[in-house]
Amino acid sequence: MEEYDLINNLPNNPRPLFFRRTDAKKLFGISPRQLENLAMERKGPPFFKVGKFAIYSVSDFVEWLTSNPVRTTNE
């Protein structure tokens, strides 16, 4: 996944373990509003509440994101 490569290749910084919903758009292309809606429906990735913020584990998020690929006839 190309977006995940962005996290793996961060320069001179350790890879983040967690990120906020506002970071999801630039890292994975998923809007914070979409994550809020999925959380309310209990269909989204697992997250933790830290104060008023929801944070996501990078590994859990990538696992959720890649858990149900759509198979096409070209595969």
PDB file of N, CA and C in Angstrom:
ATOM      1  N   MET A   1       0.851  -1.177   0.000  1.00  0.00           N
ATOM      2  CA  MET A   1       0.000   0.000   0.000  1.00  0.00           C
ATOM      3  C   MET A   1       0.891   1.233   0.000  1.00  0.00           C
ATOM      4  N   GLU A   2       0.684   2.095  -0.933  1.00  0.00           N
ATOM      5  CA  GLU A   2       1.532   3.270  -1.130  1.00  0.00           C
ATOM      6  C   GLU A   2       1.494   4.217   0.063  1.00  0.00           C
ATOM      7  N   GLU A   3       0.325   4.457   0.656  1.00  0.00           N
ATOM      8  CA  GLU A   3       0.208   5.370   1.782  1.00  0.00           C
ATOM      9  C   GLU A   3       0.980   4.851   2.986  1.00  0.00           C
ATOM     10  N   TYR A   4       0.953   3.557   3.186  1.00  0.00           N
ATOM     11  CA  TYR A   4       1.682   2.967   4.306  1.00  0.00           C
ATOM     12  C   TYR A   4       3.180   3.153   4.114  1.00  0.00           C
ATOM     13  N   ASP A   5       3.642   3.148   2.853  1.00  0.00           N
ATOM     14  CA  ASP A   5       5.049   3.400   2.578  1.00  0.00           C
ATOM     15  C   ASP A   5       5.458   4.780   3.067  1.00  0.00           C
ATOM     16  N   LEU A   6       4.548   5.743   3.024  1.00  0.00           N
ATOM     17  CA  LEU A   6       4.835   7.085   3.531  1.00  0.00           C
ATOM     18  C   LEU A   6       5.248   7.006   4.998  1.00  0.00           C
ATOM     19  N   ILE A   7       4.561   6.205   5.772  1.00  0.00           N
ATOM     20  CA  ILE A   7       4.891   6.046   7.192  1.00  0.00           C
ATOM     21  C   ILE A   7       6.224   5.335   7.346  1.00  0.00           C
ATOM     22  N   ASN A   8       6.461   4.310   6.547  1.00  0.00           N
ATOM     23  CA  ASN A   8       7.709   3.551   6.661  1.00  0.00           C
ATOM     24  C   ASN A   8       8.931   4.369   6.292  1.00  0.00           C
ATOM     25  N   ASN A   9       8.766   5.387   5.463  1.00  0.00           N
ATOM     26  CA  ASN A   9       9.907   6.135   4.949  1.00  0.00           C
ATOM     27  C   ASN A   9      10.030   7.540   5.524  1.00  0.00           C
ATOM     28  N   LEU A  10       9.504   7.778   6.710  1.00  0.00           N
ATOM     29  CA  LEU A  10       9.653   9.093   7.317  1.00  0.00           C
ATOM     30  C   LEU A  10      11.131   9.356   7.598  1.00  0.00           C
ATOM     31  N   PRO A  11      11.630  10.537   7.213  1.00  0.00           N
ATOM     32  CA  PRO A  11      13.059  10.794   7.361  1.00  0.00           C
ATOM     33  C   PRO A  11      13.463  11.101   8.805  1.00  0.00           C
ATOM     34  N   ASN A  12      14.517  10.466   9.261  1.00  0.00           N
ATOM     35  CA  ASN A  12      15.168  10.759  10.542  1.00  0.00           C
ATOM     36  C   ASN A  12      14.242  10.741  11.755  1.00  0.00           C
ATOM     37  N   ASN A  13      13.108  10.154  11.653  1.00  0.00           N
ATOM     38  CA  ASN A  13      12.182  10.046  12.781  1.00  0.00           C
ATOM     39  C   ASN A  13      11.746   8.599  12.901  1.00  0.00           C
ATOM     40  N   PRO A  14      11.539   8.138  14.106  1.00  0.00           N
ATOM     41  CA  PRO A  14      10.981   6.794  14.230  1.00  0.00           C
ATOM     42  C   PRO A  14       9.557   6.778  13.687  1.00  0.00           C
ATOM     43  N   ARG A  15       9.145   5.638  13.204  1.00  0.00           N
ATOM     44  CA  ARG A  15       7.774   5.524  12.706  1.00  0.00           C
ATOM     45  C   ARG A  15       6.794   5.772  13.832  1.00  0.00           C
ATOM     46  N   PRO A  16       5.725   6.495  13.554  1.00  0.00           N
ATOM     47  CA  PRO A  16       4.731   6.717  14.612  1.00  0.00           C
ATOM     48  C   PRO A  16       4.001   5.420  14.936  1.00  0.00           C
ATOM     49  N   LEU A  17       3.662   5.261  16.192  1.00  0.00           N
ATOM     50  CA  LEU A  17       2.881   4.103  16.611  1.00  0.00           C
ATOM     51  C   LEU A  17       1.391   4.399  16.535  1.00  0.00           C
ATOM     52  N   PHE A  18       1.034   5.681  16.713  1.00  0.00           N
ATOM     53  CA  PHE A  18      -0.354   6.114  16.721  1.00  0.00           C
ATOM     54  C   PHE A  18      -0.493   7.399  15.908  1.00  0.00           C
ATOM     55  N   PHE A  19      -1.706   7.650  15.439  1.00  0.00           N
ATOM     56  CA  PHE A  19      -1.994   8.903  14.750  1.00  0.00           C
ATOM     57  C   PHE A  19      -3.421   9.327  15.058  1.00  0.00           C
ATOM     58  N   ARG A  20      -3.696  10.617  14.885  1.00  0.00           N
ATOM     59  CA  ARG A  20      -5.032  11.158  15.127  1.00  0.00           C
ATOM     60  C   ARG A  20      -5.860  11.128  13.849  1.00  0.00           C
ATOM     61  N   ARG A  21      -7.156  11.292  14.011  1.00  0.00           N
ATOM     62  CA  ARG A  21      -8.045  11.290  12.843  1.00  0.00           C
ATOM     63  C   ARG A  21      -7.662  12.355  11.833  1.00  0.00           C
ATOM     64  N   THR A  22      -7.209  13.497  12.308  1.00  0.00           N
ATOM     65  CA  THR A  22      -6.842  14.571  11.385  1.00  0.00           C
ATOM     66  C   THR A  22      -5.638  14.194  10.521  1.00  0.00           C
ATOM     67  N   ASP A  23      -4.838  13.241  10.953  1.00  0.00           N
ATOM     68  CA  ASP A  23      -3.685  12.789  10.173  1.00  0.00           C
ATOM     69  C   ASP A  23      -4.053  11.698   9.170  1.00  0.00           C
ATOM     70  N   ALA A  24      -5.224  11.110   9.303  1.00  0.00           N
ATOM     71  CA  ALA A  24      -5.620   9.987   8.455  1.00  0.00           C
ATOM     72  C   ALA A  24      -5.729  10.384   6.989  1.00  0.00           C
ATOM     73  N   LYS A  25      -6.140  11.615   6.725  1.00  0.00           N
ATOM     74  CA  LYS A  25      -6.300  12.061   5.336  1.00  0.00           C
ATOM     75  C   LYS A  25      -4.963  12.055   4.602  1.00  0.00           C
ATOM     76  N   LYS A  26      -3.926  12.630   5.213  1.00  0.00           N
ATOM     77  CA  LYS A  26      -2.635  12.697   4.521  1.00  0.00           C
ATOM     78  C   LYS A  26      -1.900  11.358   4.524  1.00  0.00           C
ATOM     79  N   LEU A  27      -2.152  10.516   5.517  1.00  0.00           N
ATOM     80  CA  LEU A  27      -1.460   9.230   5.579  1.00  0.00           C
ATOM     81  C   LEU A  27      -2.147   8.138   4.763  1.00  0.00           C
ATOM     82  N   PHE A  28      -3.497   8.110   4.804  1.00  0.00           N
ATOM     83  CA  PHE A  28      -4.224   7.007   4.183  1.00  0.00           C
ATOM     84  C   PHE A  28      -5.317   7.440   3.210  1.00  0.00           C
ATOM     85  N   GLY A  29      -5.583   8.739   3.113  1.00  0.00           N
ATOM     86  CA  GLY A  29      -6.612   9.217   2.195  1.00  0.00           C
ATOM     87  C   GLY A  29      -8.023   9.044   2.715  1.00  0.00           C
ATOM     88  N   ILE A  30      -8.185   8.863   4.013  1.00  0.00           N
ATOM     89  CA  ILE A  30      -9.507   8.689   4.623  1.00  0.00           C
ATOM     90  C   ILE A  30      -9.786   9.919   5.481  1.00  0.00           C
ATOM     91  N   SER A  31     -10.936  10.542   5.252  1.00  0.00           N
ATOM     92  CA  SER A  31     -11.243  11.789   5.956  1.00  0.00           C
ATOM     93  C   SER A  31     -11.576  11.535   7.425  1.00  0.00           C
ATOM     94  N   PRO A  32     -11.289  12.522   8.268  1.00  0.00           N
ATOM     95  CA  PRO A  32     -11.658  12.400   9.684  1.00  0.00           C
ATOM     96  C   PRO A  32     -13.162  12.201   9.874  1.00  0.00           C
ATOM     97  N   ARG A  33     -13.970  12.857   9.055  1.00  0.00           N
ATOM     98  CA  ARG A  33     -15.428  12.716   9.157  1.00  0.00           C
ATOM     99  C   ARG A  33     -15.857  11.285   8.872  1.00  0.00           C
ATOM    100  N   GLN A  34     -15.243  10.667   7.876  1.00  0.00           N
ATOM    101  CA  GLN A  34     -15.572   9.279   7.560  1.00  0.00           C
ATOM    102  C   GLN A  34     -15.214   8.366   8.726  1.00  0.00           C
ATOM    103  N   LEU A  35     -14.082   8.603   9.368  1.00  0.00           N
ATOM    104  CA  LEU A  35     -13.702   7.800  10.527  1.00  0.00           C
ATOM    105  C   LEU A  35     -14.660   8.016  11.692  1.00  0.00           C
ATOM    106  N   GLU A  36     -15.112   9.256  11.882  1.00  0.00           N
ATOM    107  CA  GLU A  36     -16.106   9.536  12.931  1.00  0.00           C
ATOM    108  C   GLU A  36     -17.388   8.762  12.673  1.00  0.00           C
ATOM    109  N   ASN A  37     -17.860   8.788  11.435  1.00  0.00           N
ATOM    110  CA  ASN A  37     -19.090   8.070  11.087  1.00  0.00           C
ATOM    111  C   ASN A  37     -18.931   6.569  11.285  1.00  0.00           C
ATOM    112  N   LEU A  38     -17.802   6.028  10.867  1.00  0.00           N
ATOM    113  CA  LEU A  38     -17.558   4.594  11.052  1.00  0.00           C
ATOM    114  C   LEU A  38     -17.498   4.232  12.533  1.00  0.00           C
ATOM    115  N   ALA A  39     -16.908   5.104  13.342  1.00  0.00           N
ATOM    116  CA  ALA A  39     -16.824   4.845  14.782  1.00  0.00           C
ATOM    117  C   ALA A  39     -18.217   4.838  15.410  1.00  0.00           C
ATOM    118  N   MET A  40     -19.074   5.760  14.995  1.00  0.00           N
ATOM    119  CA  MET A  40     -20.431   5.805  15.544  1.00  0.00           C
ATOM    120  C   MET A  40     -21.219   4.559  15.157  1.00  0.00           C
ATOM    121  N   GLU A  41     -20.951   4.012  13.977  1.00  0.00           N
ATOM    122  CA  GLU A  41     -21.627   2.794  13.515  1.00  0.00           C
ATOM    123  C   GLU A  41     -20.938   1.522  14.017  1.00  0.00           C
ATOM    124  N   ARG A  42     -19.812   1.693  14.720  1.00  0.00           N
ATOM    125  CA  ARG A  42     -18.991   0.576  15.203  1.00  0.00           C
ATOM    126  C   ARG A  42     -18.543  -0.342  14.064  1.00  0.00           C
ATOM    127  N   LYS A  43     -18.185   0.269  12.934  1.00  0.00           N
ATOM    128  CA  LYS A  43     -17.728  -0.481  11.766  1.00  0.00           C
ATOM    129  C   LYS A  43     -16.290  -0.138  11.396  1.00  0.00           C
ATOM    130  N   GLY A  44     -15.709   0.826  12.048  1.00  0.00           N
ATOM    131  CA  GLY A  44     -14.380   1.296  11.685  1.00  0.00           C
ATOM    132  C   GLY A  44     -13.274   0.568  12.415  1.00  0.00           C
ATOM    133  N   PRO A  45     -12.063   1.068  12.253  1.00  0.00           N
ATOM    134  CA  PRO A  45     -10.927   0.451  12.926  1.00  0.00           C
ATOM    135  C   PRO A  45     -10.964   0.715  14.425  1.00  0.00           C
ATOM    136  N   PRO A  46     -10.318  -0.140  15.213  1.00  0.00           N
ATOM    137  CA  PRO A  46     -10.271   0.101  16.655  1.00  0.00           C
ATOM    138  C   PRO A  46      -9.479   1.374  16.952  1.00  0.00           C
ATOM    139  N   PHE A  47      -9.903   2.085  17.999  1.00  0.00           N
ATOM    140  CA  PHE A  47      -9.208   3.312  18.375  1.00  0.00           C
ATOM    141  C   PHE A  47      -9.230   3.475  19.878  1.00  0.00           C
ATOM    142  N   PHE A  48      -8.419   4.409  20.352  1.00  0.00           N
ATOM    143  CA  PHE A  48      -8.331   4.733  21.764  1.00  0.00           C
ATOM    144  C   PHE A  48      -8.733   6.186  21.948  1.00  0.00           C
ATOM    145  N   LYS A  49      -9.320   6.500  23.077  1.00  0.00           N
ATOM    146  CA  LYS A  49      -9.641   7.885  23.410  1.00  0.00           C
ATOM    147  C   LYS A  49      -8.562   8.409  24.348  1.00  0.00           C
ATOM    148  N   VAL A  50      -7.968   9.516  23.958  1.00  0.00           N
ATOM    149  CA  VAL A  50      -6.985  10.208  24.790  1.00  0.00           C
ATOM    150  C   VAL A  50      -7.499  11.622  24.942  1.00  0.00           C
ATOM    151  N   GLY A  51      -8.092  11.884  26.097  1.00  0.00           N
ATOM    152  CA  GLY A  51      -8.762  13.172  26.273  1.00  0.00           C
ATOM    153  C   GLY A  51      -9.937  13.255  25.312  1.00  0.00           C
ATOM    154  N   LYS A  52      -9.959  14.293  24.503  1.00  0.00           N
ATOM    155  CA  LYS A  52     -11.053  14.439  23.539  1.00  0.00           C
ATOM    156  C   LYS A  52     -10.689  13.901  22.157  1.00  0.00           C
ATOM    157  N   PHE A  53      -9.496  13.323  22.022  1.00  0.00           N
ATOM    158  CA  PHE A  53      -9.039  12.857  20.722  1.00  0.00           C
ATOM    159  C   PHE A  53      -9.136  11.344  20.600  1.00  0.00           C
ATOM    160  N   ALA A  54      -9.460  10.893  19.400  1.00  0.00           N
ATOM    161  CA  ALA A  54      -9.387   9.477  19.065  1.00  0.00           C
ATOM    162  C   ALA A  54      -8.047   9.258  18.388  1.00  0.00           C
ATOM    163  N   ILE A  55      -7.316   8.255  18.835  1.00  0.00           N
ATOM    164  CA  ILE A  55      -6.051   7.922  18.185  1.00  0.00           C
ATOM    165  C   ILE A  55      -6.110   6.461  17.732  1.00  0.00           C
ATOM    166  N   TYR A  56      -5.406   6.204  16.641  1.00  0.00           N
ATOM    167  CA  TYR A  56      -5.406   4.887  16.021  1.00  0.00           C
ATOM    168  C   TYR A  56      -3.997   4.327  16.022  1.00  0.00           C
ATOM    169  N   SER A  57      -3.883   3.041  16.301  1.00  0.00           N
ATOM    170  CA  SER A  57      -2.623   2.337  16.169  1.00  0.00           C
ATOM    171  C   SER A  57      -2.374   2.130  14.672  1.00  0.00           C
ATOM    172  N   VAL A  58      -1.179   2.447  14.215  1.00  0.00           N
ATOM    173  CA  VAL A  58      -0.871   2.298  12.792  1.00  0.00           C
ATOM    174  C   VAL A  58      -1.056   0.850  12.363  1.00  0.00           C
ATOM    175  N   SER A  59      -0.549  -0.086  13.144  1.00  0.00           N
ATOM    176  CA  SER A  59      -0.649  -1.498  12.752  1.00  0.00           C
ATOM    177  C   SER A  59      -2.097  -1.982  12.737  1.00  0.00           C
ATOM    178  N   ASP A  60      -2.901  -1.601  13.732  1.00  0.00           N
ATOM    179  CA  ASP A  60      -4.317  -1.986  13.746  1.00  0.00           C
ATOM    180  C   ASP A  60      -5.071  -1.359  12.580  1.00  0.00           C
ATOM    181  N   PHE A  61      -4.735  -0.108  12.262  1.00  0.00           N
ATOM    182  CA  PHE A  61      -5.418   0.598  11.182  1.00  0.00           C
ATOM    183  C   PHE A  61      -5.120  -0.062   9.836  1.00  0.00           C
ATOM    184  N   VAL A  62      -3.854  -0.378   9.598  1.00  0.00           N
ATOM    185  CA  VAL A  62      -3.483  -1.020   8.335  1.00  0.00           C
ATOM    186  C   VAL A  62      -4.121  -2.401   8.238  1.00  0.00           C
ATOM    187  N   GLU A  63      -4.174  -3.123   9.341  1.00  0.00           N
ATOM    188  CA  GLU A  63      -4.829  -4.436   9.344  1.00  0.00           C
ATOM    189  C   GLU A  63      -6.307  -4.295   8.984  1.00  0.00           C
ATOM    190  N   TRP A  64      -6.993  -3.318   9.584  1.00  0.00           N
ATOM    191  CA  TRP A  64      -8.400  -3.083   9.282  1.00  0.00           C
ATOM    192  C   TRP A  64      -8.575  -2.672   7.821  1.00  0.00           C
ATOM    193  N   LEU A  65      -7.715  -1.804   7.350  1.00  0.00           N
ATOM    194  CA  LEU A  65      -7.821  -1.273   5.998  1.00  0.00           C
ATOM    195  C   LEU A  65      -7.646  -2.363   4.947  1.00  0.00           C
ATOM    196  N   THR A  66      -6.800  -3.314   5.219  1.00  0.00           N
ATOM    197  CA  THR A  66      -6.499  -4.354   4.226  1.00  0.00           C
ATOM    198  C   THR A  66      -7.218  -5.672   4.506  1.00  0.00           C
ATOM    199  N   SER A  67      -8.140  -5.686   5.456  1.00  0.00           N
ATOM    200  CA  SER A  67      -8.779  -6.947   5.861  1.00  0.00           C
ATOM    201  C   SER A  67      -9.806  -7.475   4.877  1.00  0.00           C
ATOM    202  N   ASN A  68     -10.407  -6.631   4.066  1.00  0.00           N
ATOM    203  CA  ASN A  68     -11.445  -7.093   3.133  1.00  0.00           C
ATOM    204  C   ASN A  68     -11.210  -6.543   1.727  1.00  0.00           C
ATOM    205  N   PRO A  69     -10.217  -7.052   1.021  1.00  0.00           N
ATOM    206  CA  PRO A  69      -9.979  -6.539  -0.324  1.00  0.00           C
ATOM    207  C   PRO A  69     -11.097  -6.964  -1.272  1.00  0.00           C
ATOM    208  N   VAL A  70     -11.345  -6.150  -2.244  1.00  0.00           N
ATOM    209  CA  VAL A  70     -12.330  -6.463  -3.274  1.00  0.00           C
ATOM    210  C   VAL A  70     -11.592  -7.188  -4.391  1.00  0.00           C
ATOM    211  N   ARG A  71     -12.006  -8.371  -4.663  1.00  0.00           N
ATOM    212  CA  ARG A  71     -11.365  -9.172  -5.721  1.00  0.00           C
ATOM    213  C   ARG A  71     -11.996  -8.810  -7.058  1.00  0.00           C
ATOM    214  N   THR A  72     -11.165  -8.606  -8.053  1.00  0.00           N
ATOM    215  CA  THR A  72     -11.673  -8.295  -9.386  1.00  0.00           C
ATOM    216  C   THR A  72     -11.385  -9.470 -10.313  1.00  0.00           C
ATOM    217  N   THR A  73     -11.952  -9.421 -11.485  1.00  0.00           N
ATOM    218  CA  THR A  73     -11.738 -10.519 -12.428  1.00  0.00           C
ATOM    219  C   THR A  73     -10.336 -10.496 -13.021  1.00  0.00           C
ATOM    220  N   ASN A  74      -9.610  -9.370 -12.849  1.00  0.00           N
ATOM    221  CA  ASN A  74      -8.253  -9.280 -13.373  1.00  0.00           C
ATOM    222  C   ASN A  74      -7.228  -9.953 -12.475  1.00  0.00           C
ATOM    223  N   GLU A  75      -7.615 -10.371 -11.292  1.00  0.00           N
ATOM    224  CA  GLU A  75      -6.655 -10.962 -10.358  1.00  0.00           C
ATOM    225  C   GLU A  75      -6.557 -12.451 -10.525  1.00  0.00           C
TER     226      GLU A  75
END
